[in-house]
Protein backbone atom coordinates (compact mmCIF):
# COMPACT_ATOMS: atom_id res chain seq x y z
CA MET A 1 -8.08 227.57 55.91
CA MET A 2 -5.85 226.44 58.76
CA LYS A 3 -2.08 225.57 57.97
CA ILE A 4 -0.58 223.14 60.48
CA VAL A 5 2.90 222.44 60.44
CA VAL A 6 4.32 219.19 62.17
CA LEU A 7 7.86 218.78 63.33
CA VAL A 8 9.27 215.39 62.78
CA LYS A 9 12.58 213.93 63.14
CA GLU A 10 14.68 210.95 61.78
CA VAL A 11 16.05 208.81 64.68
CA PRO A 12 17.88 205.59 64.95
CA ASP A 13 15.41 202.70 65.22
CA THR A 14 14.42 202.27 68.86
CA TYR A 15 14.94 198.43 68.72
CA GLY A 16 18.31 198.76 66.96
CA ASP A 17 21.87 199.59 68.18
CA ARG A 18 22.40 203.08 69.44
CA LYS A 19 25.94 204.26 69.44
CA LEU A 20 28.11 207.54 69.50
CA SER A 21 31.09 208.02 67.32
CA LEU A 22 33.79 208.20 69.71
CA GLU A 23 35.71 210.59 67.45
CA THR A 24 32.90 213.20 66.79
CA GLY A 25 30.53 212.80 69.68
CA LEU A 26 27.61 212.55 67.36
CA ALA A 27 25.07 209.74 66.91
CA ASP A 28 26.56 207.04 64.71
CA ARG A 29 23.69 206.75 61.96
CA GLY A 30 25.27 203.87 60.43
CA ALA A 31 24.90 201.70 63.55
CA SER A 32 21.33 201.03 62.85
CA GLU A 33 18.51 201.78 60.51
CA THR A 34 16.82 205.02 60.98
CA VAL A 35 12.96 205.90 60.95
CA LEU A 36 10.49 208.47 61.70
CA ASP A 37 10.49 209.10 65.44
CA GLU A 38 7.30 207.68 66.87
CA ILE A 39 6.24 210.55 68.81
CA GLY A 40 6.50 212.81 65.60
CA GLU A 41 4.20 210.26 63.97
CA ARG A 42 1.60 210.88 66.71
CA ALA A 43 1.87 214.50 66.38
CA LEU A 44 1.33 214.23 62.61
CA GLU A 45 -1.58 211.94 63.63
CA VAL A 46 -3.22 214.63 65.62
CA ALA A 47 -2.85 216.93 62.53
CA LEU A 48 -4.27 214.41 60.20
CA ALA A 49 -7.22 213.79 62.30
CA HIS A 50 -8.19 217.42 62.37
CA ALA A 51 -7.78 217.43 58.73
CA ASP A 52 -10.15 214.48 58.47
CA ARG A 53 -13.00 216.60 59.92
CA HIS A 54 -11.95 219.79 58.10
CA PRO A 55 -10.84 219.11 54.56
CA ASP A 56 -9.73 222.56 54.04
CA ALA A 57 -7.01 222.07 56.52
CA GLU A 58 -3.32 221.92 55.27
CA VAL A 59 -0.93 219.83 56.83
CA VAL A 60 2.95 220.40 56.30
CA VAL A 61 5.40 218.03 57.60
CA MET A 62 8.76 219.50 58.38
CA SER A 63 12.05 218.10 59.07
CA MET A 64 15.62 219.27 59.74
CA SER A 65 17.83 216.08 58.71
CA PRO A 66 20.54 214.82 56.60
CA GLU A 67 20.21 214.82 52.62
CA GLY A 68 19.51 211.10 52.81
CA SER A 69 16.50 211.44 54.90
CA ALA A 70 13.92 212.33 52.02
CA ALA A 71 12.36 208.76 51.93
CA ILE A 72 11.71 208.64 55.59
CA ILE A 73 10.14 212.16 55.58
CA ARG A 74 8.03 211.20 52.62
CA ARG A 75 6.42 208.77 55.01
CA GLY A 76 4.48 211.64 56.27
CA LEU A 77 3.03 212.39 52.79
CA GLN A 78 2.20 208.94 52.46
CA MET A 79 0.33 208.79 55.72
CA GLY A 80 -1.72 212.07 54.49
CA ALA A 81 0.23 215.23 54.81
CA THR A 82 -0.61 217.88 52.01
CA SER A 83 3.18 218.88 51.58
CA ALA A 84 6.61 218.28 53.21
CA VAL A 85 9.51 220.65 53.80
CA HIS A 86 13.16 219.21 54.38
CA ILE A 87 15.99 221.31 55.64
CA ALA A 88 19.20 219.90 54.70
CA ASP A 89 22.67 221.41 54.75
CA GLU A 90 26.00 220.22 55.65
CA GLY A 91 26.44 223.19 57.99
CA LEU A 92 23.96 221.66 60.34
CA VAL A 93 25.83 218.70 60.97
CA GLY A 94 26.24 218.55 65.03
CA ALA A 95 23.70 221.29 65.46
CA ASP A 96 22.74 221.95 69.09
CA LEU A 97 19.33 222.54 70.40
CA GLY A 98 19.75 226.33 69.97
CA LEU A 99 20.77 226.34 66.39
CA THR A 100 18.31 223.59 65.54
CA ALA A 101 15.36 225.87 66.88
CA GLU A 102 16.48 228.83 65.13
CA VAL A 103 16.53 226.91 61.90
CA LEU A 104 13.06 225.35 62.41
CA ALA A 105 11.68 228.56 63.43
CA ALA A 106 12.85 230.28 60.17
CA ALA A 107 11.46 227.53 58.25
CA VAL A 108 8.10 227.78 59.94
CA GLN A 109 8.10 231.35 59.32
CA ARG A 110 8.92 230.94 55.81
CA THR A 111 6.23 228.42 55.13
CA GLY A 112 3.45 229.97 57.09
CA PHE A 113 1.43 228.65 60.01
CA ASP A 114 -1.56 228.72 62.07
CA LEU A 115 -0.50 225.77 64.44
CA VAL A 116 2.97 224.10 64.96
CA ILE A 117 2.60 220.54 66.54
CA ALA A 118 5.67 218.60 67.80
CA GLY A 119 6.32 215.70 70.12
CA ASN A 120 7.39 216.64 73.51
CA LEU A 121 10.67 214.52 73.70
CA SER A 122 12.60 212.85 70.85
CA THR A 123 13.87 209.27 71.46
CA ASP A 124 17.41 210.19 70.52
CA GLY A 125 18.33 213.55 71.94
CA SER A 126 15.52 213.66 74.53
CA GLY A 127 16.10 217.38 75.01
CA GLY A 128 12.55 217.93 75.70
CA VAL A 129 12.78 221.98 75.14
CA LEU A 130 12.74 222.35 71.27
CA PRO A 131 8.98 223.01 71.01
CA SER A 132 9.13 225.95 73.62
CA MET A 133 12.48 227.35 71.91
CA VAL A 134 10.56 227.35 68.61
CA ALA A 135 7.43 229.24 70.10
CA GLU A 136 9.75 231.68 71.71
CA LEU A 137 11.43 232.44 68.55
CA LEU A 138 8.20 232.68 66.70
CA ASP A 139 6.83 234.94 69.59
CA VAL A 140 3.76 232.84 69.89
CA PRO A 141 2.21 231.01 73.03
CA ALA A 142 3.41 227.49 73.84
CA ALA A 143 1.27 224.67 75.16
CA THR A 144 3.57 221.68 76.00
CA SER A 145 3.19 218.03 77.10
CA LEU A 146 -0.55 217.88 76.30
CA ASN A 147 -2.15 214.51 76.84
CA THR A 148 -5.20 215.59 74.88
CA VAL A 149 -5.60 218.12 71.83
CA GLU A 150 -8.59 220.06 70.44
CA ILE A 151 -8.06 222.36 67.83
CA GLY A 152 -10.88 224.94 67.71
CA ASP A 153 -11.65 228.19 66.02
CA GLY A 154 -8.80 230.57 66.60
CA GLU A 155 -7.30 228.62 69.55
CA VAL A 156 -5.89 225.22 70.49
CA SER A 157 -6.55 223.51 73.88
CA GLY A 158 -5.78 220.33 75.79
CA GLU A 159 -5.00 218.81 79.07
CA ARG A 160 -1.34 218.40 80.78
CA ALA A 161 -0.93 216.13 83.79
CA SER A 162 1.24 217.04 86.62
CA ASP A 163 2.23 215.11 89.80
CA GLY A 164 -0.79 216.32 91.72
CA ALA A 165 -3.33 217.61 89.23
CA THR A 166 -4.47 217.72 85.53
CA MET A 167 -4.32 221.26 84.10
CA ARG A 168 -6.59 222.35 81.27
CA VAL A 169 -4.61 224.89 79.05
CA THR A 170 -5.68 227.01 76.18
CA ALA A 171 -3.63 229.12 73.69
CA GLU A 172 -4.89 231.63 71.02
CA LEU A 173 -3.66 230.71 67.54
CA PRO A 174 -1.00 230.94 66.05
CA ALA A 175 0.52 228.83 68.63
CA VAL A 176 3.02 225.77 69.24
CA VAL A 177 2.04 222.71 70.98
CA SER A 178 3.75 219.53 71.85
CA ILE A 179 2.16 216.11 72.65
CA THR A 180 2.90 213.14 74.84
CA GLU A 181 2.61 209.44 74.02
CA ARG A 182 -0.82 209.50 75.44
CA LEU A 183 -1.98 210.57 72.08
CA PRO A 184 -3.09 207.93 69.67
CA ASP A 185 -1.08 205.75 67.49
CA ALA A 186 -0.29 206.94 64.05
CA ARG A 187 -2.24 205.60 61.05
CA PHE A 188 -0.34 203.35 58.52
CA PRO A 189 0.17 204.68 54.93
CA ASN A 190 -2.30 202.76 52.52
CA PHE A 191 -1.63 202.03 48.74
CA LYS A 192 -3.60 205.09 47.84
CA GLY A 193 -1.63 207.40 50.12
CA ILE A 194 1.72 205.93 48.90
CA MET A 195 0.91 206.50 45.42
CA ALA A 196 -0.51 210.01 46.11
CA ALA A 197 2.59 211.13 47.97
CA LYS A 198 4.68 210.86 44.70
CA LYS A 199 3.02 213.92 43.48
CA LYS A 200 2.69 216.05 46.44
CA PRO A 201 5.06 219.15 46.91
CA PHE A 202 8.41 218.26 48.47
CA GLU A 203 10.56 221.31 49.25
CA THR A 204 14.27 221.07 50.21
CA LEU A 205 15.60 224.24 51.97
CA THR A 206 19.46 225.04 53.03
CA LEU A 207 20.83 227.63 55.42
CA ALA A 208 21.05 230.01 52.56
CA ASP A 209 17.40 229.81 51.84
CA LEU A 210 16.58 230.79 55.41
CA ALA A 211 19.29 233.24 56.01
CA VAL A 212 20.67 231.43 58.70
CA GLU A 213 24.52 231.25 59.16
CA PRO A 214 25.69 228.85 62.03
CA GLU A 215 29.07 230.53 61.97
CA ASP A 216 27.47 233.73 63.49
CA HIS A 217 26.25 231.56 66.52
CA SER A 218 29.59 229.52 67.32
CA ALA A 219 29.74 231.36 70.77
CA SER A 220 26.13 230.02 71.81
CA ARG A 221 26.68 226.54 70.35
CA SER A 222 27.35 223.53 72.42
CA ILE A 223 30.24 221.18 71.62
CA VAL A 224 31.45 217.80 72.75
CA ILE A 225 34.93 218.29 74.56
CA GLY A 226 35.28 214.55 75.82
CA LEU A 227 33.72 211.26 75.05
CA SER A 228 34.61 207.58 76.27
CA GLU A 229 32.90 204.44 75.82
CA LYS A 230 30.80 203.00 78.79
CA PRO A 231 32.59 200.34 80.40
CA PRO A 232 31.33 196.92 80.24
CA ARG A 233 29.11 195.66 83.11
CA SER A 234 30.75 193.62 85.73
CA GLY A 235 29.19 190.44 86.89
CA GLY A 236 26.74 190.83 89.89
CA VAL A 237 27.13 189.13 93.36
CA LYS A 238 25.79 185.56 93.27
CA ILE A 239 24.61 184.08 96.65
CA VAL A 240 24.43 180.46 96.80
CA ASP A 241 22.54 179.19 99.61
CA GLU A 242 24.32 177.22 102.09
CA GLY A 243 22.10 177.97 104.88
CA ASP A 244 23.33 181.47 105.41
CA ALA A 245 21.63 182.88 102.37
CA GLY A 246 19.23 185.09 104.10
CA GLY A 247 21.91 186.81 106.13
CA ARG A 248 24.20 187.36 103.31
CA LEU A 249 21.41 188.79 101.13
CA ALA A 250 20.39 191.29 104.01
CA ASP A 251 23.90 192.29 104.47
CA PHE A 252 24.34 192.93 100.72
CA LEU A 253 21.05 195.13 100.82
CA ILE A 254 22.45 197.24 103.74
CA GLN A 255 25.97 197.61 102.23
CA ASN A 256 24.60 198.94 99.00
CA ARG A 257 21.93 201.11 100.96
CA LEU A 258 18.79 199.11 99.36
CA ALA A 259 17.32 198.44 102.71
């Protein structure tokens, strides 16, 4: 039986307001509704599609997020995941990528895995390095930014696009992969899935459960030392044609090095 752990994240709604708290430098989660990151849903779809073809596969949806995120994580169960793991602890408020990777790697190790699937880039922090960091901490291969994913017997493979070519990469299991938005959209939970999710295992972990103490890593944690609100946009240059608009437009383009 294969166990696939899918890393998902709660993020501010893409179509809502996104603001940083000027006091803490952290995302103001009250500024808009929060949702399950779309790239995480696509990663989950990859795992669920494999499970559709291999009924003995186990899919675990995992997230490190605030305590109030349980309902959003449960959406992964409604979509078809076998179980969920939620890491929630006040000590993780403001965690940087290093601490986040350490916590997730510890949770993945505790849960057990053959394959970890994540999105390549979250829509809020946009760090783009977390899957590689988790793979390094787990000491397993990482195949990142895949446009296709094929999960086989003892290996995972896929295509990664570069500026000048398309690469075919393969990694032996256990491994970590990250996917791009080229993968299919996620399925919608149906009524049967929503009802079944209520009875599926949902484990909540703290730092103590994972034997991780953020205080021990204060030297490596990044912090915000300064923050200011972006100034309002000033009005652009308006050119009214009085017979010389062409010349004035050309001058503007030259002055701003646009021509």
